[in-house]
Protein backbone atom coordinates (compact mmCIF):
# COMPACT_ATOMS: atom_id res chain seq x y z
CA MET A 1 -11.21 18.72 -17.04
CA ARG A 2 -14.09 20.50 -18.79
CA THR A 3 -14.66 22.69 -15.74
CA LYS A 4 -11.08 23.94 -15.73
CA ARG A 5 -11.12 24.72 -19.41
CA THR A 6 -14.53 26.40 -19.52
CA ALA A 7 -13.73 28.45 -16.41
CA ILE A 8 -11.09 30.29 -18.46
CA LEU A 9 -13.50 31.09 -21.28
CA PRO A 10 -15.46 34.00 -19.67
CA LEU A 11 -12.17 35.73 -18.81
CA ALA A 12 -10.95 35.34 -22.35
CA ILE A 13 -14.20 36.73 -23.74
CA ALA A 14 -14.11 39.66 -21.33
CA GLY A 15 -10.58 40.47 -22.42
CA ILE A 16 -11.59 40.44 -26.06
CA LEU A 17 -14.54 42.77 -25.39
CA LEU A 18 -12.40 45.25 -23.43
CA SER A 19 -9.81 45.28 -26.16
CA ALA A 20 -12.44 45.89 -28.82
CA THR A 21 -14.00 48.74 -26.81
CA ALA A 22 -10.66 50.44 -26.33
CA CYS A 23 -9.89 50.25 -30.02
CA ALA A 24 -13.32 51.56 -31.00
CA GLY A 25 -12.97 54.60 -28.76
CA ALA A 26 -9.52 55.65 -30.00
CA ALA A 27 -9.18 58.50 -32.47
CA PRO A 28 -8.14 57.39 -35.97
CA ASP A 29 -5.00 59.57 -35.89
CA ALA A 30 -4.03 58.05 -32.53
CA ALA A 31 -3.19 54.73 -34.11
CA PRO A 32 0.50 53.91 -33.67
CA THR A 33 2.69 53.96 -36.74
CA ARG A 34 5.40 51.44 -37.47
CA SER A 35 8.83 52.50 -38.56
CA ALA A 36 10.05 51.12 -41.87
CA HIS A 37 12.81 49.40 -39.90
CA GLU A 38 10.55 47.99 -37.17
CA THR A 39 10.21 44.19 -37.13
CA PRO A 40 6.59 42.99 -37.05
CA SER A 41 5.59 41.09 -33.90
CA PRO A 42 5.54 37.34 -34.52
CA THR A 43 2.15 35.67 -34.65
CA PRO A 44 1.79 33.49 -31.54
CA SER A 45 1.61 29.75 -32.21
CA PRO A 46 -1.73 28.17 -31.36
CA THR A 47 -1.78 26.00 -28.24
CA PRO A 48 -1.60 22.36 -29.37
CA ILE A 49 -4.62 20.23 -28.56
CA ASP A 50 -4.00 16.97 -26.70
CA PRO A 51 -6.15 14.47 -28.62
CA VAL A 52 -6.36 12.05 -25.69
CA ALA A 53 -7.48 14.78 -23.28
CA ALA A 54 -9.99 16.07 -25.81
CA TRP A 55 -11.45 12.58 -26.26
CA VAL A 56 -11.66 12.01 -22.49
CA ASP A 57 -13.29 15.42 -22.05
CA GLU A 58 -15.97 14.54 -24.58
CA ARG A 59 -16.58 11.06 -23.14
CA MET A 60 -16.87 12.43 -19.60
CA SER A 61 -19.54 14.89 -20.76
CA GLN A 62 -21.67 11.92 -21.82
CA LEU A 63 -21.41 9.89 -18.60
CA SER A 64 -23.90 9.79 -15.76
CA ILE A 65 -22.74 9.69 -12.16
CA GLU A 66 -23.50 5.94 -12.11
CA GLN A 67 -21.38 5.37 -15.21
CA LYS A 68 -18.50 7.32 -13.71
CA ALA A 69 -18.70 5.19 -10.57
CA ALA A 70 -18.72 1.97 -12.61
CA ALA A 71 -15.64 3.18 -14.47
CA LEU A 72 -13.68 2.89 -11.22
CA LEU A 73 -14.05 -0.91 -11.08
CA MET A 74 -11.79 -3.74 -12.25
CA LEU A 75 -13.30 -7.19 -11.69
CA HIS A 76 -12.61 -10.90 -12.02
CA ALA A 77 -14.90 -13.77 -12.95
CA PRO A 78 -13.42 -17.28 -12.88
CA GLY A 79 -13.17 -19.55 -15.91
CA THR A 80 -12.28 -19.39 -19.58
CA ASP A 81 -15.83 -18.74 -20.81
CA PRO A 82 -15.78 -15.11 -22.01
CA ALA A 83 -19.51 -14.60 -21.33
CA PRO A 84 -19.35 -13.60 -17.62
CA LEU A 85 -16.29 -11.46 -18.25
CA ARG A 86 -17.98 -9.73 -21.15
CA ALA A 87 -21.06 -9.17 -18.99
CA PHE A 88 -18.90 -7.22 -16.56
CA ALA A 89 -17.51 -5.21 -19.47
CA GLU A 90 -21.01 -4.41 -20.71
CA SER A 91 -21.96 -3.18 -17.23
CA GLY A 92 -19.54 -0.29 -17.71
CA VAL A 93 -16.54 -1.33 -15.62
CA SER A 94 -13.10 -0.27 -16.83
CA GLY A 95 -11.14 -3.45 -16.39
CA LEU A 96 -10.84 -7.17 -15.84
CA ILE A 97 -8.13 -8.99 -13.92
CA LEU A 98 -7.16 -12.44 -15.11
CA MET A 99 -6.26 -15.08 -12.55
CA GLY A 100 -4.93 -18.58 -13.06
CA ASP A 101 -8.45 -19.94 -13.54
CA ASN A 102 -8.87 -17.70 -16.60
CA VAL A 103 -5.82 -19.03 -18.39
CA PRO A 104 -6.53 -21.44 -21.27
CA GLY A 105 -4.09 -23.82 -22.94
CA GLY A 106 -1.85 -21.37 -24.73
CA PRO A 107 -1.18 -17.82 -25.92
CA ALA A 108 -3.49 -18.02 -28.94
CA GLU A 109 -6.42 -19.15 -26.82
CA LEU A 110 -5.77 -16.38 -24.30
CA ALA A 111 -5.66 -13.81 -27.11
CA ALA A 112 -9.04 -15.09 -28.32
CA LEU A 113 -10.47 -14.78 -24.80
CA THR A 114 -9.25 -11.22 -24.27
CA ALA A 115 -10.51 -10.17 -27.71
CA ALA A 116 -13.94 -11.64 -26.97
CA VAL A 117 -14.48 -9.46 -23.89
CA GLN A 118 -13.72 -6.10 -25.49
CA VAL A 119 -16.78 -3.91 -26.04
CA ASP A 120 -15.35 -0.40 -26.58
CA THR A 121 -12.91 0.06 -29.45
CA GLU A 122 -12.27 3.71 -28.57
CA ALA A 123 -11.29 2.91 -24.98
CA PRO A 124 -10.46 -0.78 -24.66
CA LEU A 125 -11.07 -2.52 -21.39
CA LEU A 126 -7.97 -2.71 -19.18
CA ILE A 127 -6.93 -6.36 -19.04
CA GLY A 128 -4.68 -6.87 -16.03
CA ILE A 129 -2.71 -9.81 -14.70
CA ASP A 130 -0.23 -10.53 -11.90
CA GLU A 131 2.70 -11.72 -13.99
CA GLU A 132 5.79 -11.27 -11.85
CA GLY A 133 7.35 -14.57 -12.84
CA GLY A 134 8.54 -17.09 -10.28
CA GLU A 135 6.27 -17.36 -7.24
CA VAL A 136 3.48 -15.29 -8.82
CA GLN A 137 3.06 -16.45 -12.39
CA ARG A 138 -0.32 -16.90 -14.04
CA LEU A 139 0.96 -17.94 -17.48
CA PRO A 140 2.83 -21.25 -17.56
CA TRP A 141 4.56 -20.28 -20.81
CA ASP A 142 6.32 -17.29 -19.20
CA GLY A 143 10.00 -18.22 -19.36
CA ALA A 144 11.46 -14.82 -18.43
CA ALA A 145 13.60 -14.50 -15.32
CA ALA A 146 11.92 -13.66 -12.02
CA ALA A 147 12.93 -11.69 -8.93
CA ASP A 148 14.81 -14.51 -7.22
CA THR A 149 17.24 -14.45 -10.16
CA LEU A 150 17.09 -10.79 -11.14
CA ARG A 151 18.05 -9.34 -7.76
CA ALA A 152 21.47 -11.01 -8.08
CA GLU A 153 22.04 -9.62 -11.59
CA ALA A 154 22.62 -6.16 -13.02
CA PRO A 155 19.57 -3.87 -13.49
CA ALA A 156 19.81 -4.42 -17.25
CA ALA A 157 18.71 -8.02 -16.67
CA SER A 158 15.47 -6.78 -15.08
CA GLN A 159 14.85 -4.55 -18.07
CA ALA A 160 15.38 -7.43 -20.50
CA ALA A 161 13.22 -9.87 -18.52
CA PHE A 162 10.28 -7.49 -18.20
CA ALA A 163 10.53 -6.45 -21.85
CA ALA A 164 10.22 -10.10 -22.85
CA ARG A 165 7.38 -10.58 -20.38
CA ALA A 166 5.59 -7.50 -21.71
CA ASP A 167 5.87 -8.70 -25.31
CA MET A 168 4.34 -12.02 -24.30
CA LEU A 169 1.46 -10.33 -22.45
CA ALA A 170 0.68 -7.84 -25.21
CA ALA A 171 0.57 -10.64 -27.78
CA SER A 172 -2.24 -12.22 -25.75
CA GLY A 173 -4.26 -9.02 -25.34
CA VAL A 174 -3.14 -8.19 -21.79
CA SER A 175 -2.55 -4.45 -21.38
CA VAL A 176 -1.70 -3.99 -17.69
CA ASN A 177 0.87 -5.97 -15.73
CA PHE A 178 0.56 -5.99 -11.95
CA GLY A 179 4.03 -7.47 -12.00
CA ILE A 180 6.63 -5.08 -10.59
CA VAL A 181 7.18 -5.64 -6.87
CA ALA A 182 8.68 -2.47 -5.40
CA ASP A 183 8.66 -3.83 -1.86
CA VAL A 184 12.01 -4.32 -0.11
CA THR A 185 13.08 -6.85 2.49
CA ALA A 186 16.20 -8.75 3.41
CA ASP A 187 14.27 -11.10 5.69
CA PRO A 188 14.03 -14.60 4.18
CA GLU A 189 11.15 -15.33 6.55
CA SER A 190 8.99 -12.62 5.00
CA PHE A 191 6.18 -13.95 2.82
CA ILE A 192 7.22 -11.52 0.09
CA PHE A 193 10.98 -12.18 0.19
CA GLY A 194 10.98 -14.41 -2.90
CA ARG A 195 9.27 -11.67 -4.94
CA VAL A 196 11.39 -8.57 -4.22
CA LEU A 197 13.79 -7.23 -6.83
CA GLY A 198 16.26 -6.05 -4.20
CA THR A 199 17.05 -6.71 -0.55
CA ASP A 200 18.05 -3.09 0.07
CA PRO A 201 16.27 0.06 -1.15
CA ALA A 202 18.97 1.25 -3.55
CA ALA A 203 19.34 -2.12 -5.29
CA ALA A 204 15.58 -2.55 -5.51
CA ALA A 205 15.18 0.96 -6.93
CA GLU A 206 17.58 0.27 -9.80
CA ARG A 207 15.87 -2.97 -10.77
CA VAL A 208 12.36 -1.56 -10.41
CA ALA A 209 13.31 1.25 -12.79
CA GLY A 210 14.77 -1.32 -15.18
CA ALA A 211 11.58 -3.37 -15.11
CA VAL A 212 9.44 -0.30 -15.85
CA THR A 213 11.74 0.67 -18.70
CA GLY A 214 11.46 -2.84 -20.12
CA GLU A 215 7.66 -2.71 -20.16
CA ARG A 216 7.43 0.86 -21.47
CA GLY A 217 5.33 1.23 -24.59
CA ILE A 218 4.28 -2.43 -24.53
CA VAL A 219 2.07 -2.85 -21.47
CA ALA A 220 1.22 -0.47 -18.61
CA SER A 221 3.48 -0.99 -15.59
CA THR A 222 2.27 -1.26 -12.00
CA LEU A 223 4.36 -0.74 -8.86
CA LYS A 224 3.20 -2.67 -5.81
CA HIS A 225 2.53 -2.75 -2.87
CA TYR A 226 2.72 0.96 -1.91
CA PRO A 227 3.95 2.20 0.53
CA GLY A 228 5.99 -0.97 0.97
CA HIS A 229 5.15 -4.42 2.28
CA GLY A 230 8.68 -5.44 3.19
CA ALA A 231 8.67 -3.30 6.33
CA ALA A 232 5.31 -4.72 7.48
CA PRO A 233 5.58 -8.29 8.78
CA GLY A 234 2.55 -10.44 8.01
CA ASP A 235 0.46 -11.34 5.00
CA SER A 236 -2.16 -8.80 3.92
CA HIS A 237 -4.26 -11.58 2.39
CA SER A 238 -5.36 -12.49 5.92
CA SER A 239 -4.51 -9.50 8.13
CA VAL A 240 -3.59 -5.82 8.07
CA PRO A 241 0.17 -5.94 8.61
CA SER A 242 1.77 -3.07 10.49
CA ALA A 243 5.12 -1.39 9.77
CA PRO A 244 7.04 0.22 12.66
CA LEU A 245 8.63 2.98 10.56
CA GLY A 246 8.04 6.71 10.80
CA LEU A 247 7.67 8.90 7.73
CA ASP A 248 11.31 9.99 7.60
CA GLU A 249 12.46 6.37 7.86
CA TRP A 250 10.07 5.45 5.07
CA ARG A 251 11.35 8.26 2.87
CA ALA A 252 14.93 7.05 3.31
CA GLY A 253 14.14 3.39 2.66
CA PRO A 254 10.93 1.79 1.29
CA ALA A 255 10.04 4.94 -0.67
CA LEU A 256 13.08 4.70 -2.95
CA PRO A 257 11.92 1.91 -5.31
CA PHE A 258 8.52 3.57 -5.70
CA ARG A 259 10.08 6.93 -6.47
CA SER A 260 12.46 5.27 -8.95
CA GLY A 261 9.65 3.41 -10.72
CA ILE A 262 7.49 6.54 -10.90
CA ASP A 263 10.38 8.52 -12.34
CA ALA A 264 10.87 5.73 -14.92
CA GLY A 265 7.27 6.20 -16.08
CA ALA A 266 5.09 3.59 -14.34
CA GLU A 267 1.46 4.16 -15.26
CA LEU A 268 -0.09 2.60 -12.13
CA VAL A 269 0.71 2.25 -8.44
CA MET A 270 -1.05 -0.43 -6.39
CA THR A 271 -1.82 0.44 -2.78
CA GLY A 272 -1.44 -2.28 -0.17
CA HIS A 273 -3.78 -3.24 2.65
CA LEU A 274 -1.03 -2.55 5.19
CA SER A 275 -0.53 0.09 7.81
CA TYR A 276 2.21 2.46 8.97
CA PRO A 277 0.58 3.63 12.23
CA ALA A 278 3.09 6.47 12.71
CA VAL A 279 1.76 7.96 9.47
CA ASP A 280 -1.86 6.74 9.48
CA PRO A 281 -3.38 3.79 11.36
CA ALA A 282 -5.65 3.00 8.40
CA PRO A 283 -4.49 0.62 5.66
CA ALA A 284 -2.71 2.56 2.93
CA SER A 285 -5.44 1.58 0.47
CA LEU A 286 -7.93 3.53 2.59
CA SER A 287 -5.60 6.31 3.75
CA PRO A 288 -5.97 9.88 2.43
CA GLU A 289 -2.53 10.70 3.86
CA TRP A 290 -0.71 7.96 1.92
CA HIS A 291 -2.49 9.02 -1.27
CA ARG A 292 -1.45 12.64 -0.61
CA ILE A 293 2.16 11.57 -0.15
CA LEU A 294 2.03 9.55 -3.37
CA ARG A 295 0.70 12.50 -5.37
CA GLU A 296 2.49 15.41 -3.73
CA GLU A 297 5.82 13.98 -2.55
CA LEU A 298 6.44 11.25 -5.12
CA GLY A 299 4.83 13.22 -7.94
CA PHE A 300 2.69 10.36 -9.24
CA ASP A 301 -0.06 11.49 -11.62
CA GLY A 302 -1.17 8.13 -13.00
CA VAL A 303 -3.79 5.60 -11.91
CA VAL A 304 -3.87 4.46 -8.29
CA VAL A 305 -5.28 0.94 -8.11
CA THR A 306 -6.05 -0.92 -4.89
CA ASP A 307 -4.93 -4.43 -4.12
CA ASP A 308 -7.82 -6.92 -4.19
CA MET A 309 -10.53 -5.30 -2.07
CA LEU A 310 -11.82 -8.68 -0.92
CA MET A 311 -8.63 -9.08 1.10
CA LEU A 312 -10.06 -6.54 3.54
CA GLN A 313 -13.11 -8.73 4.07
CA HIS A 314 -11.02 -11.88 4.37
CA ASN A 315 -9.11 -10.53 7.36
CA GLY A 316 -12.20 -11.01 9.51
CA LEU A 317 -12.14 -7.56 11.13
CA ALA A 318 -15.59 -6.07 11.64
CA GLU A 319 -14.38 -2.66 10.43
CA TYR A 320 -13.93 -4.08 6.91
CA ALA A 321 -16.93 -6.40 6.71
CA ASP A 322 -19.03 -4.09 4.51
CA PRO A 323 -17.81 -4.11 0.88
CA GLY A 324 -19.75 -0.95 0.03
CA GLU A 325 -18.17 0.96 2.90
CA ASN A 326 -14.71 -0.31 1.90
CA ALA A 327 -15.28 0.94 -1.65
CA VAL A 328 -16.37 4.37 -0.45
CA ARG A 329 -13.40 4.69 1.89
CA ALA A 330 -10.98 3.75 -0.90
CA VAL A 331 -12.39 6.29 -3.37
CA ALA A 332 -12.63 8.99 -0.68
CA ALA A 333 -8.97 8.33 0.17
CA GLY A 334 -7.90 8.86 -3.44
CA ALA A 335 -8.09 5.52 -5.24
CA ASP A 336 -8.90 5.61 -8.96
CA LEU A 337 -9.47 1.93 -9.66
CA LEU A 338 -10.89 -0.65 -7.22
CA LEU A 339 -9.76 -4.23 -7.81
CA TYR A 340 -12.01 -7.20 -7.00
CA VAL A 341 -11.04 -10.85 -7.46
CA LEU A 342 -14.58 -12.18 -7.32
CA PRO A 343 -15.83 -15.75 -7.03
CA ALA A 344 -18.30 -17.20 -9.55
CA ASP A 345 -21.13 -15.96 -7.34
CA PRO A 346 -20.11 -12.51 -6.03
CA SER A 347 -23.19 -12.39 -3.81
CA THR A 348 -21.47 -14.85 -1.47
CA MET A 349 -19.21 -11.93 -0.56
CA GLY A 350 -22.11 -9.47 -0.49
CA ILE A 351 -20.95 -7.87 -3.72
CA SER A 352 -22.57 -6.85 -6.99
CA VAL A 353 -21.64 -4.24 -9.56
CA GLU A 354 -24.90 -2.43 -8.84
CA GLY A 355 -24.21 -2.48 -5.12
CA LEU A 356 -20.70 -1.09 -5.42
CA VAL A 357 -21.83 1.59 -7.85
CA GLY A 358 -24.74 2.47 -5.59
CA SER A 359 -22.48 2.87 -2.56
CA ILE A 360 -20.15 5.22 -4.43
CA VAL A 361 -23.03 7.25 -5.91
CA THR A 362 -24.69 7.62 -2.51
CA ALA A 363 -21.40 8.84 -1.06
CA VAL A 364 -21.13 11.45 -3.82
CA GLN A 365 -24.71 12.59 -3.32
CA SER A 366 -24.13 12.96 0.43
CA GLY A 367 -20.91 14.91 -0.10
CA ARG A 368 -18.67 12.26 1.42
CA ILE A 369 -16.96 11.98 -1.97
CA SER A 370 -16.95 15.19 -3.98
CA GLU A 371 -18.09 15.17 -7.59
CA ALA A 372 -14.73 16.64 -8.53
CA GLN A 373 -12.93 13.72 -6.90
CA LEU A 374 -15.12 11.17 -8.69
CA ASP A 375 -14.51 12.98 -11.98
CA ALA A 376 -10.75 13.13 -11.43
CA ALA A 377 -10.58 9.39 -10.79
CA ALA A 378 -12.70 8.56 -13.83
CA VAL A 379 -10.61 10.89 -16.00
CA ARG A 380 -7.37 9.18 -14.99
CA VAL A 381 -8.77 5.73 -15.72
CA LEU A 382 -10.31 6.76 -19.04
CA THR A 383 -7.09 8.49 -20.03
CA LEU A 384 -5.12 5.28 -19.49
CA ARG A 385 -7.67 3.28 -21.50
CA ARG A 386 -7.54 5.77 -24.34
CA GLU A 387 -3.74 5.91 -24.33
CA LEU A 388 -3.54 2.13 -24.53
CA ALA A 389 -5.84 2.21 -27.56
CA ASN A 390 -3.32 4.26 -29.55
């Protein structure tokens, strides 16, 4: 952002100097006169300054390349002891994801845990959770309706349920809900069937938009699993499912709930580890083409977060065995935030914060990831953190 702004400055200065020279060289009697009836030109209003952008600009100017790389990480450490979670926060990552093993006895205890891990009051850590309700529910005290009920009701019911869910999350210090499933399927045999908000694209789109509207201004909304898991049979926790659709078929079907949720104001989109070979054989989470479509065709300008990156390692394919390479491919493709649901000892998966950061930095230094791309990702993440602080 600083580069774009400062690039304009020399042109502005040159214009001022040319104007001054022209005025200095003009004869005094050549100055134009104004008629008594001529209306003075209005003074132009100053361009308003975006305080969030200004803050992010300043923070970015203070960060090293390593700190920018660390800002692209969202991690998990099991348990209700805040110490390991806070250690991640102090390492410079931008977020933590809470799983069921992080959930204490009640809302007050969870609020105490989330407060204990915050280390930056100006840009609070993103605290995320998968709180869909129903089949995927981390908080046992969540009584709001889930997809299996909402898809049979009017879209207003989705809005009300996710507003109640958002209030509950915010009260416990959770700021990001990975809870809005924008996938579509009518197949009861699909592993994701019980979690979809609609069994056809139009119905899903209405309810996805309602869910985003319900969460608006309370927690940040996430649409998952882009570009759509319902068309890809199989479970991406243990494989890379493949969808048989071409791009035009996708645009007319699975794309609709994502477009609807983006138009409703969703702050994040989660990419899935699933493939549409007619578009790109790579998983969407590692696909530059799917990220281009998300930005250019769907008009999404928020934070792109991956699904849990360890899922790629769990599928057993040699191509995804190296966590550092997976991280580089995701960032190079266009991801802003890399999600890792880590065990108590991350080294068992060959992962450390230093290792992930080192892989990204090396890729930037080699030109595989441009500095501009790293900066753009860090800016989007920092912007979301700053916005959630206000």
